[in-house]
PDB file of N, CA and C in Angstrom:
ATOM      1  N   MET A   1      12.700   7.618 -24.560  1.00  0.00           N
ATOM      2  CA  MET A   1      12.123   8.935 -24.401  1.00  0.00           C
ATOM      3  C   MET A   1      10.778   8.793 -23.683  1.00  0.00           C
ATOM      4  N   VAL A   2      10.596   9.575 -22.662  1.00  0.00           N
ATOM      5  CA  VAL A   2       9.362   9.546 -21.876  1.00  0.00           C
ATOM      6  C   VAL A   2       8.388  10.564 -22.449  1.00  0.00           C
ATOM      7  N   THR A   3       7.184  10.093 -22.707  1.00  0.00           N
ATOM      8  CA  THR A   3       6.158  11.007 -23.204  1.00  0.00           C
ATOM      9  C   THR A   3       5.273  11.457 -22.055  1.00  0.00           C
ATOM     10  N   ALA A   4       4.565  12.541 -22.297  1.00  0.00           N
ATOM     11  CA  ALA A   4       3.631  13.037 -21.279  1.00  0.00           C
ATOM     12  C   ALA A   4       2.585  11.970 -20.974  1.00  0.00           C
ATOM     13  N   TRP A   5       2.160  11.242 -22.002  1.00  0.00           N
ATOM     14  CA  TRP A   5       1.152  10.200 -21.803  1.00  0.00           C
ATOM     15  C   TRP A   5       1.696   9.097 -20.896  1.00  0.00           C
ATOM     16  N   ALA A   6       2.941   8.659 -21.159  1.00  0.00           N
ATOM     17  CA  ALA A   6       3.535   7.584 -20.358  1.00  0.00           C
ATOM     18  C   ALA A   6       3.693   8.018 -18.906  1.00  0.00           C
ATOM     19  N   LYS A   7       4.135   9.255 -18.703  1.00  0.00           N
ATOM     20  CA  LYS A   7       4.301   9.762 -17.343  1.00  0.00           C
ATOM     21  C   LYS A   7       2.953   9.841 -16.638  1.00  0.00           C
ATOM     22  N   SER A   8       1.945  10.312 -17.354  1.00  0.00           N
ATOM     23  CA  SER A   8       0.600  10.409 -16.777  1.00  0.00           C
ATOM     24  C   SER A   8       0.054   9.021 -16.438  1.00  0.00           C
ATOM     25  N   ALA A   9       0.261   8.071 -17.336  1.00  0.00           N
ATOM     26  CA  ALA A   9      -0.220   6.705 -17.100  1.00  0.00           C
ATOM     27  C   ALA A   9       0.491   6.088 -15.898  1.00  0.00           C
ATOM     28  N   ALA A  10       1.793   6.289 -15.800  1.00  0.00           N
ATOM     29  CA  ALA A  10       2.547   5.749 -14.663  1.00  0.00           C
ATOM     30  C   ALA A  10       2.059   6.356 -13.357  1.00  0.00           C
ATOM     31  N   ARG A  11       1.838   7.667 -13.351  1.00  0.00           N
ATOM     32  CA  ARG A  11       1.326   8.326 -12.140  1.00  0.00           C
ATOM     33  C   ARG A  11      -0.029   7.763 -11.753  1.00  0.00           C
ATOM     34  N   ARG A  12      -0.904   7.577 -12.751  1.00  0.00           N
ATOM     35  CA  ARG A  12      -2.249   7.058 -12.482  1.00  0.00           C
ATOM     36  C   ARG A  12      -2.182   5.650 -11.888  1.00  0.00           C
ATOM     37  N   HIS A  13      -1.348   4.799 -12.477  1.00  0.00           N
ATOM     38  CA  HIS A  13      -1.235   3.421 -11.982  1.00  0.00           C
ATOM     39  C   HIS A  13      -0.643   3.384 -10.576  1.00  0.00           C
ATOM     40  N   LEU A  14       0.333   4.221 -10.315  1.00  0.00           N
ATOM     41  CA  LEU A  14       0.908   4.271  -8.973  1.00  0.00           C
ATOM     42  C   LEU A  14      -0.100   4.798  -7.964  1.00  0.00           C
ATOM     43  N   ARG A  15      -0.877   5.796  -8.349  1.00  0.00           N
ATOM     44  CA  ARG A  15      -1.914   6.338  -7.462  1.00  0.00           C
ATOM     45  C   ARG A  15      -2.944   5.255  -7.146  1.00  0.00           C
ATOM     46  N   GLU A  16      -3.332   4.472  -8.172  1.00  0.00           N
ATOM     47  CA  GLU A  16      -4.281   3.380  -7.955  1.00  0.00           C
ATOM     48  C   GLU A  16      -3.686   2.327  -7.018  1.00  0.00           C
ATOM     49  N   ALA A  17      -2.401   2.028  -7.190  1.00  0.00           N
ATOM     50  CA  ALA A  17      -1.736   1.051  -6.320  1.00  0.00           C
ATOM     51  C   ALA A  17      -1.699   1.552  -4.880  1.00  0.00           C
ATOM     52  N   ILE A  18      -1.379   2.829  -4.706  1.00  0.00           N
ATOM     53  CA  ILE A  18      -1.342   3.410  -3.358  1.00  0.00           C
ATOM     54  C   ILE A  18      -2.721   3.349  -2.722  1.00  0.00           C
ATOM     55  N   ASP A  19      -3.752   3.698  -3.486  1.00  0.00           N
ATOM     56  CA  ASP A  19      -5.118   3.645  -2.954  1.00  0.00           C
ATOM     57  C   ASP A  19      -5.482   2.224  -2.523  1.00  0.00           C
ATOM     58  N   ALA A  20      -5.128   1.234  -3.353  1.00  0.00           N
ATOM     59  CA  ALA A  20      -5.437  -0.162  -3.024  1.00  0.00           C
ATOM     60  C   ALA A  20      -4.667  -0.609  -1.779  1.00  0.00           C
ATOM     61  N   LEU A  21      -3.396  -0.223  -1.688  1.00  0.00           N
ATOM     62  CA  LEU A  21      -2.601  -0.587  -0.509  1.00  0.00           C
ATOM     63  C   LEU A  21      -3.138   0.076   0.751  1.00  0.00           C
ATOM     64  N   ASP A  22      -3.508   1.349   0.643  1.00  0.00           N
ATOM     65  CA  ASP A  22      -4.071   2.044   1.804  1.00  0.00           C
ATOM     66  C   ASP A  22      -5.385   1.404   2.242  1.00  0.00           C
ATOM     67  N   ASP A  23      -6.214   1.031   1.265  1.00  0.00           N
ATOM     68  CA  ASP A  23      -7.482   0.379   1.587  1.00  0.00           C
ATOM     69  C   ASP A  23      -7.239  -0.964   2.274  1.00  0.00           C
ATOM     70  N   ALA A  24      -6.293  -1.736   1.744  1.00  0.00           N
ATOM     71  CA  ALA A  24      -5.972  -3.033   2.352  1.00  0.00           C
ATOM     72  C   ALA A  24      -5.450  -2.845   3.770  1.00  0.00           C
ATOM     73  N   ARG A  25      -4.596  -1.845   3.973  1.00  0.00           N
ATOM     74  CA  ARG A  25      -4.034  -1.589   5.298  1.00  0.00           C
ATOM     75  C   ARG A  25      -5.134  -1.261   6.301  1.00  0.00           C
ATOM     76  N   VAL A  26      -6.073  -0.413   5.901  1.00  0.00           N
ATOM     77  CA  VAL A  26      -7.179  -0.045   6.794  1.00  0.00           C
ATOM     78  C   VAL A  26      -8.023  -1.271   7.126  1.00  0.00           C
ATOM     79  N   ARG A  27      -8.296  -2.095   6.129  1.00  0.00           N
ATOM     80  CA  ARG A  27      -9.088  -3.307   6.373  1.00  0.00           C
ATOM     81  C   ARG A  27      -8.341  -4.282   7.283  1.00  0.00           C
ATOM     82  N   LEU A  28      -7.026  -4.384   7.090  1.00  0.00           N
ATOM     83  CA  LEU A  28      -6.234  -5.263   7.950  1.00  0.00           C
ATOM     84  C   LEU A  28      -6.237  -4.772   9.390  1.00  0.00           C
ATOM     85  N   ILE A  29      -6.187  -3.468   9.588  1.00  0.00           N
ATOM     86  CA  ILE A  29      -6.254  -2.916  10.944  1.00  0.00           C
ATOM     87  C   ILE A  29      -7.574  -3.331  11.593  1.00  0.00           C
ATOM     88  N   GLY A  30      -8.667  -3.175  10.844  1.00  0.00           N
ATOM     89  CA  GLY A  30      -9.983  -3.558  11.369  1.00  0.00           C
ATOM     90  C   GLY A  30     -10.062  -5.036  11.695  1.00  0.00           C
ATOM     91  N   LEU A  31      -9.538  -5.875  10.809  1.00  0.00           N
ATOM     92  CA  LEU A  31      -9.548  -7.316  11.072  1.00  0.00           C
ATOM     93  C   LEU A  31      -8.717  -7.651  12.302  1.00  0.00           C
ATOM     94  N   ALA A  32      -7.567  -7.028  12.425  1.00  0.00           N
ATOM     95  CA  ALA A  32      -6.709  -7.289  13.586  1.00  0.00           C
ATOM     96  C   ALA A  32      -7.416  -6.878  14.875  1.00  0.00           C
ATOM     97  N   GLU A  33      -8.067  -5.727  14.871  1.00  0.00           N
ATOM     98  CA  GLU A  33      -8.783  -5.269  16.064  1.00  0.00           C
ATOM     99  C   GLU A  33      -9.955  -6.189  16.394  1.00  0.00           C
ATOM    100  N   ASP A  34     -10.638  -6.696  15.368  1.00  0.00           N
ATOM    101  CA  ASP A  34     -11.780  -7.581  15.583  1.00  0.00           C
ATOM    102  C   ASP A  34     -11.375  -8.922  16.185  1.00  0.00           C
ATOM    103  N   THR A  35     -10.135  -9.340  15.983  1.00  0.00           N
ATOM    104  CA  THR A  35      -9.701 -10.659  16.457  1.00  0.00           C
ATOM    105  C   THR A  35      -8.900 -10.593  17.743  1.00  0.00           C
ATOM    106  N   GLU A  36      -8.738  -9.433  18.323  1.00  0.00           N
ATOM    107  CA  GLU A  36      -7.860  -9.257  19.480  1.00  0.00           C
ATOM    108  C   GLU A  36      -8.228 -10.128  20.679  1.00  0.00           C
ATOM    109  N   TRP A  37      -9.468 -10.357  20.933  1.00  0.00           N
ATOM    110  CA  TRP A  37      -9.893 -10.990  22.182  1.00  0.00           C
ATOM    111  C   TRP A  37     -10.074 -12.501  22.094  1.00  0.00           C
ATOM    112  N   HIS A  38      -9.859 -13.113  20.930  1.00  0.00           N
ATOM    113  CA  HIS A  38     -10.173 -14.530  20.727  1.00  0.00           C
ATOM    114  C   HIS A  38      -9.066 -15.482  21.181  1.00  0.00           C
ATOM    115  N   SER A  39      -9.231 -16.741  20.859  1.00  0.00           N
ATOM    116  CA  SER A  39      -8.342 -17.832  21.268  1.00  0.00           C
ATOM    117  C   SER A  39      -6.922 -17.692  20.707  1.00  0.00           C
ATOM    118  N   ASP A  40      -6.053 -18.636  21.093  1.00  0.00           N
ATOM    119  CA  ASP A  40      -4.668 -18.615  20.634  1.00  0.00           C
ATOM    120  C   ASP A  40      -4.563 -18.684  19.115  1.00  0.00           C
ATOM    121  N   GLY A  41      -5.387 -19.523  18.486  1.00  0.00           N
ATOM    122  CA  GLY A  41      -5.361 -19.626  17.020  1.00  0.00           C
ATOM    123  C   GLY A  41      -5.726 -18.307  16.369  1.00  0.00           C
ATOM    124  N   VAL A  42      -6.752 -17.686  16.896  1.00  0.00           N
ATOM    125  CA  VAL A  42      -7.175 -16.397  16.356  1.00  0.00           C
ATOM    126  C   VAL A  42      -6.156 -15.324  16.728  1.00  0.00           C
ATOM    127  N   ARG A  43      -5.542 -15.461  17.888  1.00  0.00           N
ATOM    128  CA  ARG A  43      -4.496 -14.511  18.296  1.00  0.00           C
ATOM    129  C   ARG A  43      -3.327 -14.577  17.312  1.00  0.00           C
ATOM    130  N   ALA A  44      -2.981 -15.784  16.880  1.00  0.00           N
ATOM    131  CA  ALA A  44      -1.917 -15.942  15.881  1.00  0.00           C
ATOM    132  C   ALA A  44      -2.324 -15.271  14.574  1.00  0.00           C
ATOM    133  N   MET A  45      -3.610 -15.427  14.216  1.00  0.00           N
ATOM    134  CA  MET A  45      -4.105 -14.762  13.014  1.00  0.00           C
ATOM    135  C   MET A  45      -4.034 -13.247  13.197  1.00  0.00           C
ATOM    136  N   HIS A  46      -4.367 -12.773  14.378  1.00  0.00           N
ATOM    137  CA  HIS A  46      -4.288 -11.343  14.688  1.00  0.00           C
ATOM    138  C   HIS A  46      -2.859 -10.835  14.486  1.00  0.00           C
ATOM    139  N   GLU A  47      -1.885 -11.592  14.981  1.00  0.00           N
ATOM    140  CA  GLU A  47      -0.488 -11.192  14.814  1.00  0.00           C
ATOM    141  C   GLU A  47      -0.099 -11.169  13.345  1.00  0.00           C
ATOM    142  N   LYS A  48      -0.571 -12.148  12.586  1.00  0.00           N
ATOM    143  CA  LYS A  48      -0.275 -12.192  11.152  1.00  0.00           C
ATOM    144  C   LYS A  48      -0.922 -11.009  10.446  1.00  0.00           C
ATOM    145  N   LEU A  49      -2.166 -10.694  10.788  1.00  0.00           N
ATOM    146  CA  LEU A  49      -2.840  -9.544  10.184  1.00  0.00           C
ATOM    147  C   LEU A  49      -2.112  -8.247  10.515  1.00  0.00           C
ATOM    148  N   SER A  50      -1.649  -8.126  11.739  1.00  0.00           N
ATOM    149  CA  SER A  50      -0.892  -6.933  12.133  1.00  0.00           C
ATOM    150  C   SER A  50       0.403  -6.836  11.339  1.00  0.00           C
ATOM    151  N   ASP A  51       1.067  -7.979  11.150  1.00  0.00           N
ATOM    152  CA  ASP A  51       2.292  -8.004  10.350  1.00  0.00           C
ATOM    153  C   ASP A  51       1.998  -7.609   8.906  1.00  0.00           C
ATOM    154  N   LEU A  52       0.924  -8.154   8.347  1.00  0.00           N
ATOM    155  CA  LEU A  52       0.549  -7.799   6.974  1.00  0.00           C
ATOM    156  C   LEU A  52       0.234  -6.315   6.858  1.00  0.00           C
ATOM    157  N   GLN A  53      -0.409  -5.757   7.869  1.00  0.00           N
ATOM    158  CA  GLN A  53      -0.722  -4.327   7.859  1.00  0.00           C
ATOM    159  C   GLN A  53       0.564  -3.511   7.833  1.00  0.00           C
ATOM    160  N   ARG A  54       1.539  -3.876   8.652  1.00  0.00           N
ATOM    161  CA  ARG A  54       2.817  -3.154   8.676  1.00  0.00           C
ATOM    162  C   ARG A  54       3.543  -3.282   7.341  1.00  0.00           C
ATOM    163  N   ARG A  55       3.541  -4.486   6.780  1.00  0.00           N
ATOM    164  CA  ARG A  55       4.218  -4.699   5.500  1.00  0.00           C
ATOM    165  C   ARG A  55       3.510  -3.960   4.374  1.00  0.00           C
ATOM    166  N   THR A  56       2.178  -3.925   4.415  1.00  0.00           N
ATOM    167  CA  THR A  56       1.418  -3.186   3.406  1.00  0.00           C
ATOM    168  C   THR A  56       1.741  -1.702   3.485  1.00  0.00           C
ATOM    169  N   ALA A  57       1.847  -1.169   4.684  1.00  0.00           N
ATOM    170  CA  ALA A  57       2.206   0.242   4.856  1.00  0.00           C
ATOM    171  C   ALA A  57       3.599   0.508   4.296  1.00  0.00           C
ATOM    172  N   ALA A  58       4.526  -0.418   4.496  1.00  0.00           N
ATOM    173  CA  ALA A  58       5.883  -0.250   3.971  1.00  0.00           C
ATOM    174  C   ALA A  58       5.887  -0.253   2.446  1.00  0.00           C
ATOM    175  N   VAL A  59       5.122  -1.153   1.846  1.00  0.00           N
ATOM    176  CA  VAL A  59       5.039  -1.204   0.387  1.00  0.00           C
ATOM    177  C   VAL A  59       4.402   0.075  -0.147  1.00  0.00           C
ATOM    178  N   ALA A  60       3.364   0.551   0.512  1.00  0.00           N
ATOM    179  CA  ALA A  60       2.725   1.803   0.082  1.00  0.00           C
ATOM    180  C   ALA A  60       3.727   2.950   0.135  1.00  0.00           C
ATOM    181  N   GLY A  61       4.560   2.986   1.162  1.00  0.00           N
ATOM    182  CA  GLY A  61       5.589   4.021   1.249  1.00  0.00           C
ATOM    183  C   GLY A  61       6.571   3.934   0.098  1.00  0.00           C
ATOM    184  N   SER A  62       6.947   2.720  -0.268  1.00  0.00           N
ATOM    185  CA  SER A  62       7.856   2.519  -1.395  1.00  0.00           C
ATOM    186  C   SER A  62       7.219   2.973  -2.704  1.00  0.00           C
ATOM    187  N   VAL A  63       5.942   2.657  -2.884  1.00  0.00           N
ATOM    188  CA  VAL A  63       5.237   3.077  -4.100  1.00  0.00           C
ATOM    189  C   VAL A  63       5.109   4.597  -4.131  1.00  0.00           C
ATOM    190  N   ARG A  64       4.857   5.218  -2.984  1.00  0.00           N
ATOM    191  CA  ARG A  64       4.796   6.686  -2.927  1.00  0.00           C
ATOM    192  C   ARG A  64       6.142   7.296  -3.337  1.00  0.00           C
ATOM    193  N   PHE A  65       7.241   6.667  -2.916  1.00  0.00           N
ATOM    194  CA  PHE A  65       8.564   7.145  -3.299  1.00  0.00           C
ATOM    195  C   PHE A  65       8.734   7.061  -4.809  1.00  0.00           C
ATOM    196  N   ARG A  66       8.321   5.942  -5.397  1.00  0.00           N
ATOM    197  CA  ARG A  66       8.411   5.785  -6.857  1.00  0.00           C
ATOM    198  C   ARG A  66       7.561   6.841  -7.560  1.00  0.00           C
ATOM    199  N   GLN A  67       6.411   7.132  -6.991  1.00  0.00           N
ATOM    200  CA  GLN A  67       5.544   8.153  -7.569  1.00  0.00           C
ATOM    201  C   GLN A  67       6.256   9.505  -7.560  1.00  0.00           C
ATOM    202  N   SER A  68       6.951   9.827  -6.490  1.00  0.00           N
ATOM    203  CA  SER A  68       7.671  11.101  -6.426  1.00  0.00           C
ATOM    204  C   SER A  68       8.821  11.121  -7.427  1.00  0.00           C
ATOM    205  N   GLU A  69       9.428   9.961  -7.695  1.00  0.00           N
ATOM    206  CA  GLU A  69      10.487   9.897  -8.705  1.00  0.00           C
ATOM    207  C   GLU A  69       9.943  10.216 -10.091  1.00  0.00           C
ATOM    208  N   ILE A  70       8.740   9.730 -10.375  1.00  0.00           N
ATOM    209  CA  ILE A  70       8.135   9.987 -11.682  1.00  0.00           C
ATOM    210  C   ILE A  70       7.908  11.477 -11.886  1.00  0.00           C
ATOM    211  N   GLU A  71       7.554  12.163 -10.824  1.00  0.00           N
ATOM    212  CA  GLU A  71       7.328  13.605 -10.927  1.00  0.00           C
ATOM    213  C   GLU A  71       8.579  14.317 -11.440  1.00  0.00           C
ATOM    214  N   GLY A  72       9.753  13.777 -11.139  1.00  0.00           N
ATOM    215  CA  GLY A  72      10.997  14.415 -11.549  1.00  0.00           C
ATOM    216  C   GLY A  72      11.482  14.032 -12.936  1.00  0.00           C
ATOM    217  N   VAL A  73      10.788  13.115 -13.617  1.00  0.00           N
ATOM    218  CA  VAL A  73      11.212  12.697 -14.953  1.00  0.00           C
ATOM    219  C   VAL A  73      10.869  13.799 -15.948  1.00  0.00           C
ATOM    220  N   PRO A  74      11.898  14.305 -16.662  1.00  0.00           N
ATOM    221  CA  PRO A  74      11.632  15.377 -17.624  1.00  0.00           C
ATOM    222  C   PRO A  74      10.903  14.853 -18.858  1.00  0.00           C
ATOM    223  N   ILE A  75      10.037  15.669 -19.365  1.00  0.00           N
ATOM    224  CA  ILE A  75       9.320  15.359 -20.604  1.00  0.00           C
ATOM    225  C   ILE A  75       9.799  16.354 -21.655  1.00  0.00           C
ATOM    226  N   PRO A  76      10.364  15.827 -22.748  1.00  0.00           N
ATOM    227  CA  PRO A  76      10.875  16.742 -23.791  1.00  0.00           C
ATOM    228  C   PRO A  76       9.771  17.502 -24.494  1.00  0.00           C
TER     229      PRO A  76
END
């Protein structure tokens, strides 16, 4: 049985996770842009940072979906 408290706590934790993922994604974008002009080693790091940014955005989307699922859970 889902209680109002459990649903509220789950929403809060998911919101915090989304905020952290969004913050990480923004920071990764900045890091990737800062490394764009450097050597091959740094260019490889730039590509990795860009990949991490894309993957972080995908995870945030998945967490947002889970958050929307929680909204639909009935509370007796």
